């Protein structure tokens, strides 16, 4: 393992029910000094930053459901019921009425939240207002979950470029796209394509990627057509996807039970097979690297696990090191 231990940290009494003993390690490279890592967990928000003692920074005893960056602002969903923003300090922006919020994304037309039961909300001042246009998506009544509950919005992807598409991943209901800032929506994948995460390339808005039951999916024409790839993987079931420079990383396992989970990487362009990420990682993770728990900025990639470990790569997934252990279960990661 690369890195030097910088101490042990304990959750306070309200941070977690169990006696957790998080430990952090940091490398000595200059690159990570430019990178701020936030980890949302079932026991609050944690900061892992070079040159500072990592520690819980907000929302003790609460679950940080999702994180997103918008310029100088950082957004967070807490317990699925409140929207917070950090713009000099953390403050509550709005309450989430109705079904709990599951994900969020800044767009060129404002902040959008996804919720359970497959609804969208957009931020209007200090209120979260239903996005009524999403209620009329074609075949919406056919969305479902295998266990019988209503479908949820699982992830949202967009860039800040004016006019760029907005992609919404419904579980189970494929990927729905808006080309007009959320005024209308069109399905881009068959409902039965079980998608777990959608992301958009930050500089190429026509390039959209998914992690799905059927493997890694890529569209190079804003969702008009798709290709699914599993070549090089040991299994097809994928839960999380990220872009590091021009490399795509994806988590794969044999199924929703999280058996034999691993990370893979390949060039974003070209026809190369996926290669297994090995150096610095366990042979198999204990559970799936889930939606929102794999994130990247430039060449820096961070992955968090259900058992409270955080791994980091500084070279787009070629090599890794564990930088935290003993955290509460990880629910989301932001690398900025």
C-alpha atoms as a PDB file:
ATOM      1  CA  UNK A   1       0.000   0.000   0.000  1.00  0.00           C
ATOM      2  CA  UNK A   2       1.320   3.439  -0.961  1.00  0.00           C
ATOM      3  CA  UNK A   3       1.045   6.330   1.486  1.00  0.00           C
ATOM      4  CA  UNK A   4       1.704   7.324   5.053  1.00  0.00           C
ATOM      5  CA  UNK A   5      -0.729   6.990   7.915  1.00  0.00           C
ATOM      6  CA  UNK A   6      -1.737  10.342   9.374  1.00  0.00           C
ATOM      7  CA  UNK A   7      -3.726   9.197  12.332  1.00  0.00           C
ATOM      8  CA  UNK A   8      -6.977   7.620  13.445  1.00  0.00           C
ATOM      9  CA  UNK A   9     -10.272   9.442  13.664  1.00  0.00           C
ATOM     10  CA  UNK A  10     -13.398   8.500  15.601  1.00  0.00           C
ATOM     11  CA  UNK A  11     -16.995   9.311  14.812  1.00  0.00           C
ATOM     12  CA  UNK A  12     -18.681  11.223  17.601  1.00  0.00           C
ATOM     13  CA  UNK A  13     -21.549   9.617  19.469  1.00  0.00           C
ATOM     14  CA  UNK A  14     -24.134  11.003  17.057  1.00  0.00           C
ATOM     15  CA  UNK A  15     -22.167  10.163  13.904  1.00  0.00           C
ATOM     16  CA  UNK A  16     -22.632   6.422  13.789  1.00  0.00           C
ATOM     17  CA  UNK A  17     -24.200   3.751  15.952  1.00  0.00           C
ATOM     18  CA  UNK A  18     -21.207   1.453  15.768  1.00  0.00           C
ATOM     19  CA  UNK A  19     -17.754   2.111  17.151  1.00  0.00           C
ATOM     20  CA  UNK A  20     -16.078   3.041  13.868  1.00  0.00           C
ATOM     21  CA  UNK A  21     -12.371   3.862  13.668  1.00  0.00           C
ATOM     22  CA  UNK A  22     -11.665   5.506  10.347  1.00  0.00           C
ATOM     23  CA  UNK A  23      -8.047   5.560   9.230  1.00  0.00           C
ATOM     24  CA  UNK A  24      -6.679   7.633   6.393  1.00  0.00           C
ATOM     25  CA  UNK A  25      -3.543   7.482   4.311  1.00  0.00           C
ATOM     26  CA  UNK A  26      -2.321  10.041   1.810  1.00  0.00           C
ATOM     27  CA  UNK A  27       0.256   9.961  -0.946  1.00  0.00           C
ATOM     28  CA  UNK A  28       2.986  12.462  -1.543  1.00  0.00           C
ATOM     29  CA  UNK A  29       2.233  13.487  -5.126  1.00  0.00           C
ATOM     30  CA  UNK A  30       1.539  17.063  -6.133  1.00  0.00           C
ATOM     31  CA  UNK A  31      -1.484  16.123  -8.246  1.00  0.00           C
ATOM     32  CA  UNK A  32      -3.748  15.254  -5.340  1.00  0.00           C
ATOM     33  CA  UNK A  33      -3.036  18.608  -3.687  1.00  0.00           C
ATOM     34  CA  UNK A  34      -5.220  20.154  -6.392  1.00  0.00           C
ATOM     35  CA  UNK A  35      -8.047  17.717  -5.709  1.00  0.00           C
ATOM     36  CA  UNK A  36     -10.689  17.891  -3.015  1.00  0.00           C
ATOM     37  CA  UNK A  37     -12.489  14.643  -2.216  1.00  0.00           C
ATOM     38  CA  UNK A  38     -15.859  14.627  -0.458  1.00  0.00           C
ATOM     39  CA  UNK A  39     -17.361  11.341   0.672  1.00  0.00           C
ATOM     40  CA  UNK A  40     -21.050  11.110   1.548  1.00  0.00           C
ATOM     41  CA  UNK A  41     -21.865   8.286   3.964  1.00  0.00           C
ATOM     42  CA  UNK A  42     -24.637   7.002   6.191  1.00  0.00           C
ATOM     43  CA  UNK A  43     -22.771   8.806   8.988  1.00  0.00           C
ATOM     44  CA  UNK A  44     -22.333  12.258   7.473  1.00  0.00           C
ATOM     45  CA  UNK A  45     -20.049  14.011   5.028  1.00  0.00           C
ATOM     46  CA  UNK A  46     -16.287  13.424   5.168  1.00  0.00           C
ATOM     47  CA  UNK A  47     -13.468  15.409   3.585  1.00  0.00           C
ATOM     48  CA  UNK A  48     -10.231  13.826   2.353  1.00  0.00           C
ATOM     49  CA  UNK A  49      -7.870  16.618   1.408  1.00  0.00           C
ATOM     50  CA  UNK A  50      -4.083  16.715   1.129  1.00  0.00           C
ATOM     51  CA  UNK A  51      -2.373  18.770   3.807  1.00  0.00           C
ATOM     52  CA  UNK A  52      -5.311  18.683   6.213  1.00  0.00           C
ATOM     53  CA  UNK A  53      -6.457  16.176   8.775  1.00  0.00           C
ATOM     54  CA  UNK A  54      -9.379  14.309   7.170  1.00  0.00           C
ATOM     55  CA  UNK A  55     -12.485  14.421   9.303  1.00  0.00           C
ATOM     56  CA  UNK A  56     -16.286  14.494   9.273  1.00  0.00           C
ATOM     57  CA  UNK A  57     -17.267  17.976   8.098  1.00  0.00           C
ATOM     58  CA  UNK A  58     -21.077  18.090   8.108  1.00  0.00           C
ATOM     59  CA  UNK A  59     -24.380  16.287   8.600  1.00  0.00           C
ATOM     60  CA  UNK A  60     -23.350  13.988  11.477  1.00  0.00           C
ATOM     61  CA  UNK A  61     -25.879  11.211  12.143  1.00  0.00           C
ATOM     62  CA  UNK A  62     -27.436  11.787   8.725  1.00  0.00           C
ATOM     63  CA  UNK A  63     -27.110  10.068   5.372  1.00  0.00           C
ATOM     64  CA  UNK A  64     -25.647  12.141   2.555  1.00  0.00           C
ATOM     65  CA  UNK A  65     -27.524  10.677  -0.379  1.00  0.00           C
ATOM     66  CA  UNK A  66     -25.942  12.547  -3.314  1.00  0.00           C
ATOM     67  CA  UNK A  67     -23.371  15.258  -4.096  1.00  0.00           C
ATOM     68  CA  UNK A  68     -22.846  17.575  -7.068  1.00  0.00           C
ATOM     69  CA  UNK A  69     -20.571  20.486  -7.956  1.00  0.00           C
ATOM     70  CA  UNK A  70     -21.758  23.656  -9.698  1.00  0.00           C
ATOM     71  CA  UNK A  71     -18.923  26.153 -10.154  1.00  0.00           C
ATOM     72  CA  UNK A  72     -17.982  27.253  -6.630  1.00  0.00           C
ATOM     73  CA  UNK A  73     -21.061  25.660  -5.080  1.00  0.00           C
ATOM     74  CA  UNK A  74     -21.412  22.142  -3.755  1.00  0.00           C
ATOM     75  CA  UNK A  75     -24.882  20.621  -3.465  1.00  0.00           C
ATOM     76  CA  UNK A  76     -25.952  17.757  -1.210  1.00  0.00           C
ATOM     77  CA  UNK A  77     -29.089  15.749  -0.586  1.00  0.00           C
ATOM     78  CA  UNK A  78     -29.343  14.833   3.106  1.00  0.00           C
ATOM     79  CA  UNK A  79     -31.537  11.936   4.278  1.00  0.00           C
ATOM     80  CA  UNK A  80     -33.404  12.203   0.983  1.00  0.00           C
ATOM     81  CA  UNK A  81     -35.486  15.025   2.480  1.00  0.00           C
ATOM     82  CA  UNK A  82     -33.442  18.239   2.370  1.00  0.00           C
ATOM     83  CA  UNK A  83     -31.297  20.054  -0.186  1.00  0.00           C
ATOM     84  CA  UNK A  84     -28.141  21.729   1.138  1.00  0.00           C
ATOM     85  CA  UNK A  85     -25.577  23.971  -0.512  1.00  0.00           C
ATOM     86  CA  UNK A  86     -22.023  24.961   0.413  1.00  0.00           C
ATOM     87  CA  UNK A  87     -21.146  28.436  -0.838  1.00  0.00           C
ATOM     88  CA  UNK A  88     -18.928  29.589   1.996  1.00  0.00           C
ATOM     89  CA  UNK A  89     -20.622  27.367   4.576  1.00  0.00           C
ATOM     90  CA  UNK A  90     -23.268  24.661   4.593  1.00  0.00           C
ATOM     91  CA  UNK A  91     -26.900  25.835   4.706  1.00  0.00           C
ATOM     92  CA  UNK A  92     -30.306  24.345   3.985  1.00  0.00           C
ATOM     93  CA  UNK A  93     -31.854  25.488   0.717  1.00  0.00           C
ATOM     94  CA  UNK A  94     -35.130  23.591   0.487  1.00  0.00           C
ATOM     95  CA  UNK A  95     -37.133  20.670   1.816  1.00  0.00           C
ATOM     96  CA  UNK A  96     -38.067  17.727  -0.375  1.00  0.00           C
ATOM     97  CA  UNK A  97     -41.804  17.190  -0.137  1.00  0.00           C
ATOM     98  CA  UNK A  98     -43.258  13.835  -1.170  1.00  0.00           C
ATOM     99  CA  UNK A  99     -41.011  10.972  -2.301  1.00  0.00           C
ATOM    100  CA  UNK A 100     -37.408  11.126  -1.119  1.00  0.00           C
ATOM    101  CA  UNK A 101     -34.736  12.612  -3.366  1.00  0.00           C
ATOM    102  CA  UNK A 102     -32.247  10.141  -4.823  1.00  0.00           C
ATOM    103  CA  UNK A 103     -29.920  12.187  -7.061  1.00  0.00           C
ATOM    104  CA  UNK A 104     -29.262  15.674  -8.409  1.00  0.00           C
ATOM    105  CA  UNK A 105     -27.482  17.480 -11.208  1.00  0.00           C
ATOM    106  CA  UNK A 106     -26.776  21.125 -12.109  1.00  0.00           C
ATOM    107  CA  UNK A 107     -27.906  21.887 -15.664  1.00  0.00           C
ATOM    108  CA  UNK A 108     -27.730  24.916 -17.937  1.00  0.00           C
ATOM    109  CA  UNK A 109     -31.305  25.721 -16.907  1.00  0.00           C
ATOM    110  CA  UNK A 110     -30.888  25.123 -13.170  1.00  0.00           C
ATOM    111  CA  UNK A 111     -30.602  22.412 -10.545  1.00  0.00           C
ATOM    112  CA  UNK A 112     -32.704  19.262 -11.010  1.00  0.00           C
ATOM    113  CA  UNK A 113     -33.387  16.553  -8.415  1.00  0.00           C
ATOM    114  CA  UNK A 114     -34.626  13.029  -9.059  1.00  0.00           C
ATOM    115  CA  UNK A 115     -36.820  11.227  -6.551  1.00  0.00           C
ATOM    116  CA  UNK A 116     -38.282   7.898  -5.686  1.00  0.00           C
ATOM    117  CA  UNK A 117     -41.384   6.979  -7.723  1.00  0.00           C
ATOM    118  CA  UNK A 118     -39.652   8.519 -10.752  1.00  0.00           C
ATOM    119  CA  UNK A 119     -40.343  12.236 -10.403  1.00  0.00           C
ATOM    120  CA  UNK A 120     -38.181  15.289 -11.041  1.00  0.00           C
ATOM    121  CA  UNK A 121     -37.985  18.535  -9.073  1.00  0.00           C
ATOM    122  CA  UNK A 122     -36.290  21.757 -10.141  1.00  0.00           C
ATOM    123  CA  UNK A 123     -35.010  24.422  -7.780  1.00  0.00           C
ATOM    124  CA  UNK A 124     -36.967  27.665  -7.953  1.00  0.00           C
ATOM    125  CA  UNK A 125     -35.565  30.076  -5.380  1.00  0.00           C
ATOM    126  CA  UNK A 126     -35.977  28.273  -2.056  1.00  0.00           C
ATOM    127  CA  UNK A 127     -38.554  25.782  -3.355  1.00  0.00           C
ATOM    128  CA  UNK A 128     -38.308  22.457  -5.132  1.00  0.00           C
ATOM    129  CA  UNK A 129     -41.042  22.519  -7.771  1.00  0.00           C
ATOM    130  CA  UNK A 130     -42.313  19.429  -9.636  1.00  0.00           C
ATOM    131  CA  UNK A 131     -41.103  19.275 -13.243  1.00  0.00           C
ATOM    132  CA  UNK A 132     -44.467  18.514 -14.791  1.00  0.00           C
ATOM    133  CA  UNK A 133     -43.068  17.789 -18.265  1.00  0.00           C
ATOM    134  CA  UNK A 134     -41.454  14.608 -16.905  1.00  0.00           C
ATOM    135  CA  UNK A 135     -44.864  13.273 -15.889  1.00  0.00           C
ATOM    136  CA  UNK A 136     -45.867  12.823 -19.533  1.00  0.00           C
ATOM    137  CA  UNK A 137     -42.913  10.790 -20.836  1.00  0.00           C
ATOM    138  CA  UNK A 138     -43.938   8.161 -23.361  1.00  0.00           C
ATOM    139  CA  UNK A 139     -44.485   4.710 -21.785  1.00  0.00           C
ATOM    140  CA  UNK A 140     -44.023   6.114 -18.293  1.00  0.00           C
ATOM    141  CA  UNK A 141     -46.729   3.778 -17.000  1.00  0.00           C
ATOM    142  CA  UNK A 142     -44.552   0.823 -18.010  1.00  0.00           C
ATOM    143  CA  UNK A 143     -41.645   1.742 -15.717  1.00  0.00           C
ATOM    144  CA  UNK A 144     -41.193  -0.787 -12.921  1.00  0.00           C
ATOM    145  CA  UNK A 145     -38.867  -2.512 -10.473  1.00  0.00           C
ATOM    146  CA  UNK A 146     -38.322  -6.299 -10.346  1.00  0.00           C
ATOM    147  CA  UNK A 147     -39.449  -6.368  -6.709  1.00  0.00           C
ATOM    148  CA  UNK A 148     -42.763  -4.624  -7.405  1.00  0.00           C
ATOM    149  CA  UNK A 149     -42.168  -1.068  -6.133  1.00  0.00           C
ATOM    150  CA  UNK A 150     -42.587   1.973  -8.388  1.00  0.00           C
ATOM    151  CA  UNK A 151     -39.508   2.879 -10.428  1.00  0.00           C
ATOM    152  CA  UNK A 152     -37.099   5.563  -9.154  1.00  0.00           C
ATOM    153  CA  UNK A 153     -34.932   8.179 -10.804  1.00  0.00           C
ATOM    154  CA  UNK A 154     -31.503   6.707 -10.101  1.00  0.00           C
ATOM    155  CA  UNK A 155     -29.144   9.226 -11.744  1.00  0.00           C
ATOM    156  CA  UNK A 156     -29.150  12.431 -13.805  1.00  0.00           C
ATOM    157  CA  UNK A 157     -26.437  13.672 -16.174  1.00  0.00           C
ATOM    158  CA  UNK A 158     -25.950  17.058 -17.821  1.00  0.00           C
ATOM    159  CA  UNK A 159     -23.293  19.637 -18.568  1.00  0.00           C
ATOM    160  CA  UNK A 160     -23.410  23.399 -18.015  1.00  0.00           C
ATOM    161  CA  UNK A 161     -23.089  24.179 -21.736  1.00  0.00           C
ATOM    162  CA  UNK A 162     -26.153  26.038 -23.047  1.00  0.00           C
ATOM    163  CA  UNK A 163     -28.414  23.745 -25.027  1.00  0.00           C
ATOM    164  CA  UNK A 164     -26.699  20.542 -23.927  1.00  0.00           C
ATOM    165  CA  UNK A 165     -28.916  17.482 -23.368  1.00  0.00           C
ATOM    166  CA  UNK A 166     -30.185  16.362 -19.973  1.00  0.00           C
ATOM    167  CA  UNK A 167     -30.236  12.592 -19.393  1.00  0.00           C
ATOM    168  CA  UNK A 168     -32.341  10.904 -16.698  1.00  0.00           C
ATOM    169  CA  UNK A 169     -31.797   7.265 -15.726  1.00  0.00           C
ATOM    170  CA  UNK A 170     -35.007   5.589 -14.521  1.00  0.00           C
ATOM    171  CA  UNK A 171     -34.681   2.282 -12.692  1.00  0.00           C
ATOM    172  CA  UNK A 172     -36.203   0.401 -14.425  1.00  0.00           C
ATOM    173  CA  UNK A 173     -37.083   2.515 -17.445  1.00  0.00           C
ATOM    174  CA  UNK A 174     -33.949   3.121 -19.491  1.00  0.00           C
ATOM    175  CA  UNK A 175     -32.603   6.630 -20.151  1.00  0.00           C
ATOM    176  CA  UNK A 176     -34.867   9.575 -20.948  1.00  0.00           C
ATOM    177  CA  UNK A 177     -33.446  12.640 -22.713  1.00  0.00           C
ATOM    178  CA  UNK A 178     -34.388  16.315 -22.974  1.00  0.00           C
ATOM    179  CA  UNK A 179     -32.937  18.478 -25.739  1.00  0.00           C
ATOM    180  CA  UNK A 180     -34.787  21.642 -24.712  1.00  0.00           C
ATOM    181  CA  UNK A 181     -33.804  22.254 -21.093  1.00  0.00           C
ATOM    182  CA  UNK A 182     -36.438  19.968 -19.579  1.00  0.00           C
ATOM    183  CA  UNK A 183     -39.504  21.220 -21.455  1.00  0.00           C
ATOM    184  CA  UNK A 184     -39.977  17.848 -23.174  1.00  0.00           C
ATOM    185  CA  UNK A 185     -38.577  14.327 -22.806  1.00  0.00           C
ATOM    186  CA  UNK A 186     -37.938  11.355 -25.095  1.00  0.00           C
ATOM    187  CA  UNK A 187     -36.918   7.765 -24.231  1.00  0.00           C
ATOM    188  CA  UNK A 188     -33.554   6.759 -25.729  1.00  0.00           C
ATOM    189  CA  UNK A 189     -33.349   3.137 -24.568  1.00  0.00           C
ATOM    190  CA  UNK A 190     -35.856   0.340 -24.290  1.00  0.00           C
ATOM    191  CA  UNK A 191     -37.422   0.179 -20.841  1.00  0.00           C
ATOM    192  CA  UNK A 192     -36.025  -3.322 -20.350  1.00  0.00           C
ATOM    193  CA  UNK A 193     -32.434  -2.046 -20.625  1.00  0.00           C
ATOM    194  CA  UNK A 194     -31.788  -2.006 -16.876  1.00  0.00           C
ATOM    195  CA  UNK A 195     -29.587   1.087 -16.402  1.00  0.00           C
ATOM    196  CA  UNK A 196     -27.961   1.876 -13.040  1.00  0.00           C
ATOM    197  CA  UNK A 197     -26.091   5.101 -13.831  1.00  0.00           C
ATOM    198  CA  UNK A 198     -25.854   7.624 -16.665  1.00  0.00           C
ATOM    199  CA  UNK A 199     -23.089  10.224 -17.098  1.00  0.00           C
ATOM    200  CA  UNK A 200     -22.293  12.792 -19.789  1.00  0.00           C
ATOM    201  CA  UNK A 201     -18.821  13.751 -20.981  1.00  0.00           C
ATOM    202  CA  UNK A 202     -18.027  17.207 -19.524  1.00  0.00           C
ATOM    203  CA  UNK A 203     -16.654  18.577 -22.821  1.00  0.00           C
ATOM    204  CA  UNK A 204     -18.475  16.422 -25.396  1.00  0.00           C
ATOM    205  CA  UNK A 205     -22.190  16.667 -24.565  1.00  0.00           C
ATOM    206  CA  UNK A 206     -23.127  14.307 -27.412  1.00  0.00           C
ATOM    207  CA  UNK A 207     -21.188  11.546 -25.624  1.00  0.00           C
ATOM    208  CA  UNK A 208     -23.249   9.758 -22.962  1.00  0.00           C
ATOM    209  CA  UNK A 209     -22.289   6.620 -21.006  1.00  0.00           C
ATOM    210  CA  UNK A 210     -24.222   4.151 -18.862  1.00  0.00           C
ATOM    211  CA  UNK A 211     -23.528   1.336 -16.439  1.00  0.00           C
ATOM    212  CA  UNK A 212     -26.228  -1.275 -16.964  1.00  0.00           C
ATOM    213  CA  UNK A 213     -27.255  -4.869 -16.391  1.00  0.00           C
ATOM    214  CA  UNK A 214     -26.034  -5.559 -19.925  1.00  0.00           C
ATOM    215  CA  UNK A 215     -22.612  -3.969 -19.384  1.00  0.00           C
ATOM    216  CA  UNK A 216     -21.087  -0.659 -20.427  1.00  0.00           C
ATOM    217  CA  UNK A 217     -23.242   1.382 -22.795  1.00  0.00           C
ATOM    218  CA  UNK A 218     -22.050   4.286 -24.930  1.00  0.00           C
ATOM    219  CA  UNK A 219     -23.808   6.703 -27.272  1.00  0.00           C
ATOM    220  CA  UNK A 220     -21.838   9.109 -29.441  1.00  0.00           C
ATOM    221  CA  UNK A 221     -24.907  10.916 -30.803  1.00  0.00           C
ATOM    222  CA  UNK A 222     -26.681  12.182 -27.662  1.00  0.00           C
ATOM    223  CA  UNK A 223     -28.622   8.967 -27.138  1.00  0.00           C
ATOM    224  CA  UNK A 224     -29.926   8.461 -30.672  1.00  0.00           C
ATOM    225  CA  UNK A 225     -28.069   5.123 -30.888  1.00  0.00           C
ATOM    226  CA  UNK A 226     -26.250   2.934 -28.381  1.00  0.00           C
ATOM    227  CA  UNK A 227     -23.541   0.273 -28.256  1.00  0.00           C
ATOM    228  CA  UNK A 228     -23.113  -2.106 -25.316  1.00  0.00           C
ATOM    229  CA  UNK A 229     -19.704  -3.576 -24.502  1.00  0.00           C
ATOM    230  CA  UNK A 230     -18.568  -6.329 -22.122  1.00  0.00           C
ATOM    231  CA  UNK A 231     -15.366  -7.461 -23.880  1.00  0.00           C
ATOM    232  CA  UNK A 232     -12.615  -7.991 -21.318  1.00  0.00           C
ATOM    233  CA  UNK A 233     -14.947  -8.098 -18.306  1.00  0.00           C
ATOM    234  CA  UNK A 234     -15.477 -11.195 -16.176  1.00  0.00           C
ATOM    235  CA  UNK A 235     -19.197 -10.318 -15.810  1.00  0.00           C
ATOM    236  CA  UNK A 236     -21.768  -8.046 -17.445  1.00  0.00           C
ATOM    237  CA  UNK A 237     -23.608  -6.536 -14.453  1.00  0.00           C
ATOM    238  CA  UNK A 238     -22.413  -2.916 -14.033  1.00  0.00           C
ATOM    239  CA  UNK A 239     -23.437  -0.381 -11.371  1.00  0.00           C
ATOM    240  CA  UNK A 240     -21.147   2.692 -11.634  1.00  0.00           C
ATOM    241  CA  UNK A 241     -19.274   4.527 -14.379  1.00  0.00           C
ATOM    242  CA  UNK A 242     -16.852   7.482 -14.491  1.00  0.00           C
ATOM    243  CA  UNK A 243     -14.598   9.320 -16.945  1.00  0.00           C
ATOM    244  CA  UNK A 244     -10.968  10.103 -16.047  1.00  0.00           C
ATOM    245  CA  UNK A 245      -9.355  12.192 -18.779  1.00  0.00           C
ATOM    246  CA  UNK A 246     -10.139  10.081 -21.871  1.00  0.00           C
ATOM    247  CA  UNK A 247     -10.439   6.790 -19.967  1.00  0.00           C
ATOM    248  CA  UNK A 248     -13.723   5.221 -18.894  1.00  0.00           C
ATOM    249  CA  UNK A 249     -13.927   3.243 -15.637  1.00  0.00           C
ATOM    250  CA  UNK A 250     -16.749   0.928 -14.693  1.00  0.00           C
ATOM    251  CA  UNK A 251     -17.676  -1.428 -11.858  1.00  0.00           C
ATOM    252  CA  UNK A 252     -18.815  -4.940 -12.731  1.00  0.00           C
ATOM    253  CA  UNK A 253     -19.969  -8.012 -10.843  1.00  0.00           C
ATOM    254  CA  UNK A 254     -21.989 -11.170 -11.399  1.00  0.00           C
ATOM    255  CA  UNK A 255     -25.225  -9.564 -10.203  1.00  0.00           C
ATOM    256  CA  UNK A 256     -27.142  -7.372  -7.751  1.00  0.00           C
ATOM    257  CA  UNK A 257     -25.965  -9.487  -4.828  1.00  0.00           C
ATOM    258  CA  UNK A 258     -22.473  -8.089  -5.357  1.00  0.00           C
ATOM    259  CA  UNK A 259     -20.588 -11.326  -5.976  1.00  0.00           C
ATOM    260  CA  UNK A 260     -17.051 -10.918  -7.383  1.00  0.00           C
ATOM    261  CA  UNK A 261     -17.168  -7.131  -7.885  1.00  0.00           C
ATOM    262  CA  UNK A 262     -14.220  -5.465  -9.664  1.00  0.00           C
ATOM    263  CA  UNK A 263     -13.251  -2.274 -11.485  1.00  0.00           C
ATOM    264  CA  UNK A 264     -12.314  -2.045 -15.168  1.00  0.00           C
ATOM    265  CA  UNK A 265     -10.851   0.627 -17.452  1.00  0.00           C
ATOM    266  CA  UNK A 266     -10.425   1.260 -21.188  1.00  0.00           C
ATOM    267  CA  UNK A 267      -9.827   4.159 -23.559  1.00  0.00           C
ATOM    268  CA  UNK A 268     -12.981   6.131 -24.195  1.00  0.00           C
ATOM    269  CA  UNK A 269     -12.379   6.127 -27.949  1.00  0.00           C
ATOM    270  CA  UNK A 270     -11.309   3.118 -29.988  1.00  0.00           C
ATOM    271  CA  UNK A 271     -12.182  -0.563 -29.869  1.00  0.00           C
ATOM    272  CA  UNK A 272      -9.945  -1.876 -27.080  1.00  0.00           C
ATOM    273  CA  UNK A 273     -11.295  -4.365 -24.557  1.00  0.00           C
ATOM    274  CA  UNK A 274     -11.692  -3.456 -20.902  1.00  0.00           C
ATOM    275  CA  UNK A 275      -8.756  -4.292 -18.652  1.00  0.00           C
ATOM    276  CA  UNK A 276      -9.063  -5.179 -14.987  1.00  0.00           C
ATOM    277  CA  UNK A 277      -7.873  -2.604 -12.429  1.00  0.00           C
ATOM    278  CA  UNK A 278      -5.631  -4.621 -10.124  1.00  0.00           C
ATOM    279  CA  UNK A 279      -2.630  -2.831  -8.624  1.00  0.00           C
ATOM    280  CA  UNK A 280      -3.511  -1.546  -5.150  1.00  0.00           C
ATOM    281  CA  UNK A 281      -7.029  -3.042  -5.105  1.00  0.00           C
ATOM    282  CA  UNK A 282      -8.378  -6.168  -3.387  1.00  0.00           C
ATOM    283  CA  UNK A 283      -8.783  -9.268  -5.541  1.00  0.00           C
ATOM    284  CA  UNK A 284     -12.550  -8.799  -5.214  1.00  0.00           C
ATOM    285  CA  UNK A 285     -14.503  -6.101  -3.408  1.00  0.00           C
ATOM    286  CA  UNK A 286     -16.969  -7.247  -0.767  1.00  0.00           C
ATOM    287  CA  UNK A 287     -19.933  -5.637  -2.540  1.00  0.00           C
ATOM    288  CA  UNK A 288     -20.797  -3.712  -5.695  1.00  0.00           C
ATOM    289  CA  UNK A 289     -19.198  -0.308  -6.223  1.00  0.00           C
ATOM    290  CA  UNK A 290     -22.549   1.399  -6.450  1.00  0.00           C
ATOM    291  CA  UNK A 291     -24.074   4.276  -8.389  1.00  0.00           C
ATOM    292  CA  UNK A 292     -22.437   7.534  -7.316  1.00  0.00           C
ATOM    293  CA  UNK A 293     -19.574   5.778  -5.522  1.00  0.00           C
ATOM    294  CA  UNK A 294     -17.095   6.004  -8.418  1.00  0.00           C
ATOM    295  CA  UNK A 295     -16.014   9.530  -9.384  1.00  0.00           C
ATOM    296  CA  UNK A 296     -13.208  11.238 -11.262  1.00  0.00           C
ATOM    297  CA  UNK A 297     -11.680  14.616 -12.108  1.00  0.00           C
ATOM    298  CA  UNK A 298      -8.830  14.728 -14.600  1.00  0.00           C
ATOM    299  CA  UNK A 299      -6.654  11.653 -13.956  1.00  0.00           C
ATOM    300  CA  UNK A 300      -7.828  11.293 -10.332  1.00  0.00           C
ATOM    301  CA  UNK A 301     -10.364   8.525  -9.686  1.00  0.00           C
ATOM    302  CA  UNK A 302     -11.944   7.686  -6.317  1.00  0.00           C
ATOM    303  CA  UNK A 303     -14.050   4.639  -5.397  1.00  0.00           C
ATOM    304  CA  UNK A 304     -15.938   4.077  -2.155  1.00  0.00           C
ATOM    305  CA  UNK A 305     -17.401   0.891  -0.721  1.00  0.00           C
ATOM    306  CA  UNK A 306     -20.258  -0.306   1.432  1.00  0.00           C
ATOM    307  CA  UNK A 307     -17.770  -1.386   4.106  1.00  0.00           C
ATOM    308  CA  UNK A 308     -16.252   2.094   4.427  1.00  0.00           C
ATOM    309  CA  UNK A 309     -13.088   1.872   2.328  1.00  0.00           C
ATOM    310  CA  UNK A 310     -12.022   4.584  -0.112  1.00  0.00           C
ATOM    311  CA  UNK A 311      -9.514   3.916  -2.901  1.00  0.00           C
ATOM    312  CA  UNK A 312      -7.818   6.507  -5.097  1.00  0.00           C
ATOM    313  CA  UNK A 313      -5.958   6.405  -8.401  1.00  0.00           C
ATOM    314  CA  UNK A 314      -3.829   9.279  -9.696  1.00  0.00           C
ATOM    315  CA  UNK A 315      -3.308   7.766 -13.160  1.00  0.00           C
ATOM    316  CA  UNK A 316      -6.840   7.148 -14.484  1.00  0.00           C
ATOM    317  CA  UNK A 317      -7.159   3.748 -12.843  1.00  0.00           C
ATOM    318  CA  UNK A 318      -3.827   2.105 -13.680  1.00  0.00           C
ATOM    319  CA  UNK A 319      -2.690   1.981 -10.059  1.00  0.00           C
ATOM    320  CA  UNK A 320      -4.578   2.497  -6.810  1.00  0.00           C
ATOM    321  CA  UNK A 321      -4.079   3.043  -3.093  1.00  0.00           C
ATOM    322  CA  UNK A 322      -6.451   2.813  -0.161  1.00  0.00           C
ATOM    323  CA  UNK A 323      -6.778   6.278   1.384  1.00  0.00           C
ATOM    324  CA  UNK A 324      -9.475   5.598   3.999  1.00  0.00           C
ATOM    325  CA  UNK A 325     -10.921   2.693   5.927  1.00  0.00           C
ATOM    326  CA  UNK A 326     -13.451   2.360   8.724  1.00  0.00           C
ATOM    327  CA  UNK A 327     -15.801   5.023   7.403  1.00  0.00           C
ATOM    328  CA  UNK A 328     -19.571   4.547   7.580  1.00  0.00           C
ATOM    329  CA  UNK A 329     -21.025   2.966   4.441  1.00  0.00           C
ATOM    330  CA  UNK A 330     -20.262   5.158   1.430  1.00  0.00           C
ATOM    331  CA  UNK A 331     -23.230   6.488  -0.546  1.00  0.00           C
ATOM    332  CA  UNK A 332     -21.628   9.056  -2.903  1.00  0.00           C
ATOM    333  CA  UNK A 333     -18.309  10.654  -3.831  1.00  0.00           C
ATOM    334  CA  UNK A 334     -17.410  14.037  -5.284  1.00  0.00           C
ATOM    335  CA  UNK A 335     -13.957  14.772  -6.717  1.00  0.00           C
ATOM    336  CA  UNK A 336     -13.336  18.442  -7.529  1.00  0.00           C
END
